[in-house]
Protein backbone atom coordinates (compact mmCIF):
# COMPACT_ATOMS: atom_id res chain seq x y z
CA ASN A 1 4.58 16.90 5.65
CA TYR A 2 1.90 14.57 7.02
CA ILE A 3 1.88 12.18 4.14
CA ASP A 4 5.76 12.08 3.93
CA GLY A 5 6.60 8.39 3.20
CA ALA A 6 3.68 7.60 1.00
CA ALA A 7 3.34 10.92 -0.73
CA GLU A 8 4.12 9.66 -4.28
CA LEU A 9 1.18 7.45 -4.15
CA TYR A 10 -1.29 10.22 -3.08
CA ILE A 11 0.10 12.92 -5.27
CA SER A 12 0.07 10.67 -8.31
CA PHE A 13 -3.71 10.25 -7.70
CA TRP A 14 -4.22 14.01 -7.37
CA PHE A 15 -5.40 14.14 -3.87
CA SER A 16 -6.87 17.46 -2.79
CA LYS A 17 -6.72 17.03 0.94
CA VAL A 18 -6.47 14.75 3.82
CA PHE A 19 -8.39 14.80 7.05
CA ASN A 20 -6.68 13.16 10.05
CA ARG A 21 -7.69 12.09 13.53
CA ASN A 22 -5.74 10.09 16.15
CA TYR A 23 -7.65 8.54 18.92
CA SER A 24 -5.89 7.04 22.16
CA CYS A 25 -6.83 5.15 25.10
CA GLY A 26 -3.87 5.29 27.30
CA SER A 27 -0.30 5.81 26.05
CA ASP A 28 0.15 2.68 24.15
CA LYS A 29 -3.25 2.16 22.40
CA GLU A 30 -3.91 4.46 19.33
CA ILE A 31 -6.19 4.44 16.43
CA PHE A 32 -5.27 6.58 13.45
CA VAL A 33 -8.07 7.71 10.77
CA ASP A 34 -6.93 9.31 7.50
CA ILE A 35 -9.56 10.30 4.88
CA PHE A 36 -8.14 11.45 1.59
CA TYR A 37 -10.27 13.31 -0.82
CA MET A 38 -9.05 12.68 -4.32
CA ASN A 39 -10.21 14.78 -7.36
CA THR A 40 -12.16 11.97 -8.88
CA PRO A 41 -13.64 8.50 -7.87
CA PRO A 42 -11.22 6.71 -10.23
CA ASP A 43 -8.30 8.36 -8.35
CA ALA A 44 -9.74 7.18 -4.97
CA PHE A 45 -9.93 3.59 -6.51
CA GLY A 46 -6.45 3.90 -7.86
CA ALA A 47 -5.04 4.65 -4.51
CA PHE A 48 -7.09 1.69 -3.05
CA SER A 49 -5.82 -0.62 -5.66
CA PHE A 50 -2.36 -0.29 -4.41
CA SER A 51 -3.31 -1.64 -1.07
CA ILE A 52 -2.44 -5.29 -0.47
CA GLY A 53 -4.81 -7.66 0.96
CA LYS A 54 -7.97 -9.64 0.23
CA ILE A 55 -10.52 -7.36 -1.39
CA GLY A 56 -14.16 -7.36 0.16
CA ASN A 57 -17.05 -5.07 0.19
CA GLU A 58 -17.81 -4.77 3.92
CA PHE A 59 -17.11 -1.00 3.64
CA GLY A 60 -17.51 1.57 0.83
CA THR A 61 -17.33 0.35 -2.77
CA GLN A 62 -14.42 -2.02 -1.98
CA SER A 63 -12.67 -2.53 1.30
CA GLN A 64 -9.70 -4.57 2.84
CA THR A 65 -9.55 -5.68 6.43
CA ALA A 66 -6.32 -7.03 7.91
CA SER A 67 -4.83 -7.09 11.41
CA GLY A 68 -4.86 -3.58 12.69
CA ALA A 69 -6.10 -2.01 9.56
CA ILE A 70 -9.25 -1.15 7.54
CA VAL A 71 -8.98 0.55 4.24
CA PHE A 72 -11.81 1.39 1.66
CA TRP A 73 -12.70 3.59 -1.09
CA LYS A 74 -15.92 5.21 -1.91
CA ASP A 75 -16.80 8.11 -4.20
CA ASN A 76 -13.73 10.52 -4.12
CA TYR A 77 -12.60 9.08 -0.80
CA TYR A 78 -9.87 6.78 0.32
CA VAL A 79 -10.05 5.86 3.95
CA SER A 80 -7.49 4.34 6.19
CA ILE A 81 -8.02 3.26 9.68
CA THR A 82 -5.21 1.65 11.62
CA SER A 83 -4.76 0.81 15.24
CA ASN A 84 -1.35 0.16 17.09
CA PRO A 85 -1.50 -2.34 18.68
CA GLU A 86 -4.63 -4.02 17.67
CA THR A 87 -6.72 -5.12 20.67
CA ASP A 88 -10.27 -6.38 20.85
CA GLU A 89 -11.39 -2.95 22.03
CA SER A 90 -9.62 -1.13 19.20
CA LYS A 91 -10.97 -3.53 16.59
CA LYS A 92 -14.48 -2.88 17.77
CA VAL A 93 -14.00 1.00 17.67
CA SER A 94 -12.23 0.85 14.24
CA LEU A 95 -15.18 -1.13 12.84
CA LYS A 96 -17.59 1.61 14.23
CA LEU A 97 -15.43 4.40 12.77
CA ALA A 98 -15.43 2.54 9.47
CA ARG A 99 -19.17 2.03 9.44
CA LEU A 100 -19.76 5.81 10.42
CA ILE A 101 -17.45 7.10 7.68
CA ASP A 102 -18.92 4.87 5.08
CA TYR A 103 -22.43 5.83 5.97
CA SER A 104 -21.39 9.40 5.84
CA ILE A 105 -20.31 9.24 2.19
CA LYS A 106 -23.57 9.05 0.41
CA GLU A 107 -22.48 8.95 -3.37
CA LYS A 108 -21.94 5.46 -5.02
CA VAL A 109 -20.05 5.28 -8.17
CA ASP A 110 -18.81 2.90 -10.71
CA PHE A 111 -15.19 1.51 -11.41
CA PRO A 112 -13.03 3.12 -13.93
CA GLU A 113 -14.25 2.28 -17.30
CA VAL A 114 -10.86 0.84 -18.53
CA LEU A 115 -11.53 -2.15 -16.10
CA LYS A 116 -14.53 -3.21 -18.13
CA TYR A 117 -12.00 -4.14 -21.02
CA LEU A 118 -10.07 -6.58 -18.86
CA PRO A 119 -10.88 -10.23 -19.93
CA ALA A 120 -12.44 -12.10 -17.02
CA GLU A 121 -11.21 -15.40 -17.59
CA ASP A 122 -8.28 -16.30 -15.31
CA LEU A 123 -8.07 -12.65 -14.00
CA ASP A 124 -6.52 -12.32 -10.62
CA GLU A 125 -8.85 -9.66 -9.29
CA GLN A 126 -6.48 -8.88 -6.27
CA SER A 127 -3.71 -7.96 -8.59
CA MET A 128 -5.41 -5.14 -10.51
CA ARG A 129 -3.54 -1.76 -10.28
CA TYR A 130 -5.11 1.31 -11.83
CA PHE A 131 -3.17 4.48 -12.45
CA ARG A 132 -2.89 7.65 -14.36
CA HIS A 133 0.92 8.33 -13.65
CA TYR A 134 3.54 6.50 -15.59
CA VAL A 135 5.54 5.80 -12.24
CA TRP A 136 3.07 2.97 -11.49
CA LEU A 137 3.85 1.16 -14.79
CA ASN A 138 6.48 -1.01 -12.84
CA SER A 139 4.06 -1.97 -10.01
CA HIS A 140 4.08 -5.68 -11.08
CA THR A 141 7.15 -6.00 -13.03
CA PHE A 142 9.97 -3.69 -14.31
CA ILE A 143 8.99 -2.12 -17.70
CA SER A 144 10.78 1.08 -17.89
CA ASN A 145 11.93 4.17 -15.69
CA ASP A 146 10.69 6.52 -18.53
CA ASN A 147 7.36 7.32 -19.61
CA ILE A 148 7.49 5.16 -22.78
CA LEU A 149 3.76 5.09 -23.21
CA ASN A 150 2.91 8.75 -22.59
CA ILE A 151 0.59 8.03 -19.59
CA ASN A 152 -0.64 11.31 -18.27
CA PRO A 153 -3.48 12.71 -16.10
CA ASN A 154 -5.95 12.22 -19.13
CA THR A 155 -5.12 8.48 -19.55
CA HIS A 156 -6.46 5.58 -17.66
CA ALA A 157 -4.23 2.54 -17.29
CA VAL A 158 -4.56 -0.83 -15.53
CA LEU A 159 -2.23 -3.69 -15.03
CA ALA A 160 -3.52 -7.14 -14.07
CA LYS A 161 -2.14 -10.53 -13.55
CA TYR A 162 -3.66 -13.65 -15.27
CA GLY A 163 -3.27 -17.45 -14.68
CA ASP A 164 -2.72 -19.59 -11.65
CA LYS A 165 0.89 -20.87 -11.53
CA GLU A 166 2.63 -18.72 -14.20
CA LYS A 167 1.27 -15.31 -13.94
CA LEU A 168 1.00 -13.22 -17.16
CA ILE A 169 0.66 -9.54 -16.91
CA LEU A 170 -1.75 -7.48 -19.09
CA LEU A 171 -1.52 -3.68 -19.40
CA LEU A 172 -4.35 -1.64 -20.78
CA VAL A 173 -4.02 2.17 -21.46
CA LYS A 174 -7.08 4.13 -22.55
CA TYR A 175 -6.22 7.37 -24.23
CA THR A 176 -8.29 10.36 -24.81
CA ASN A 177 -8.10 10.00 -28.85
CA ALA A 178 -6.50 7.80 -31.46
CA SER A 179 -3.80 10.50 -32.10
CA GLU A 180 -2.40 9.97 -28.50
CA ALA A 181 -2.67 6.24 -28.74
CA LEU A 182 -0.61 6.36 -32.05
CA THR A 183 1.91 8.65 -30.56
CA ALA A 184 2.48 6.42 -27.56
CA LYS A 185 2.67 3.25 -29.84
CA GLU A 186 5.39 5.02 -31.94
CA LYS A 187 7.30 6.20 -28.81
CA PHE A 188 7.00 2.55 -27.28
C-alpha cells in the first residue's frame, strides 16, 4: 500500500522491503525518507536510473539533488529524501540525513556490466535507463507493449540516447546464453 503510485517501478526491480520515516516541524513542514532494499545492486541502480535530473556523486554511488529532493543509490539501496515545502532548514536536515544514510551503507559496488558495452562517443549519460523487465522497453520511445525481446529477470538491458540535436536510441540486452539471444532475435 505504501508504494502505491510508483509500485510498478519498485516491483519490476525486485525490491525486498522499504523503510520509511516522516519528520515534521510544525504542521506544514515535512521531510520524507524512503530507503528501498533491492535484491541486487543492479536493481538499485535500475530504480535510480529512472530518476530525472542531473546525475552527480555527492551521495552514494550516484545521486541527484533537486529542489526539495535528494535521491541516490548505493549497494542494494535506493534512497529518496523529499521535503515539502523545501526551506533552508529542511534542506540542511535533508543533507544531514543523506550523509548519515550514505555513511551507514558501507559496501561499494560497480555498475551493471551491460553498461560497459555502451559506446562512449556522443552518449547522453543522463539518458541511460537500466532494466530487467520488459515494461521499461518503452521508456524513451514506444517499441512494443509485448515482450518482443524476451526480457526477464535474468537479462540485463539498457537504453541510452546518443547525439546532440537528433537523439538516436541504442538498446543493448545481455542474455544469459546464446540460445536465449537467438530465441529473442527470432521472436523480434
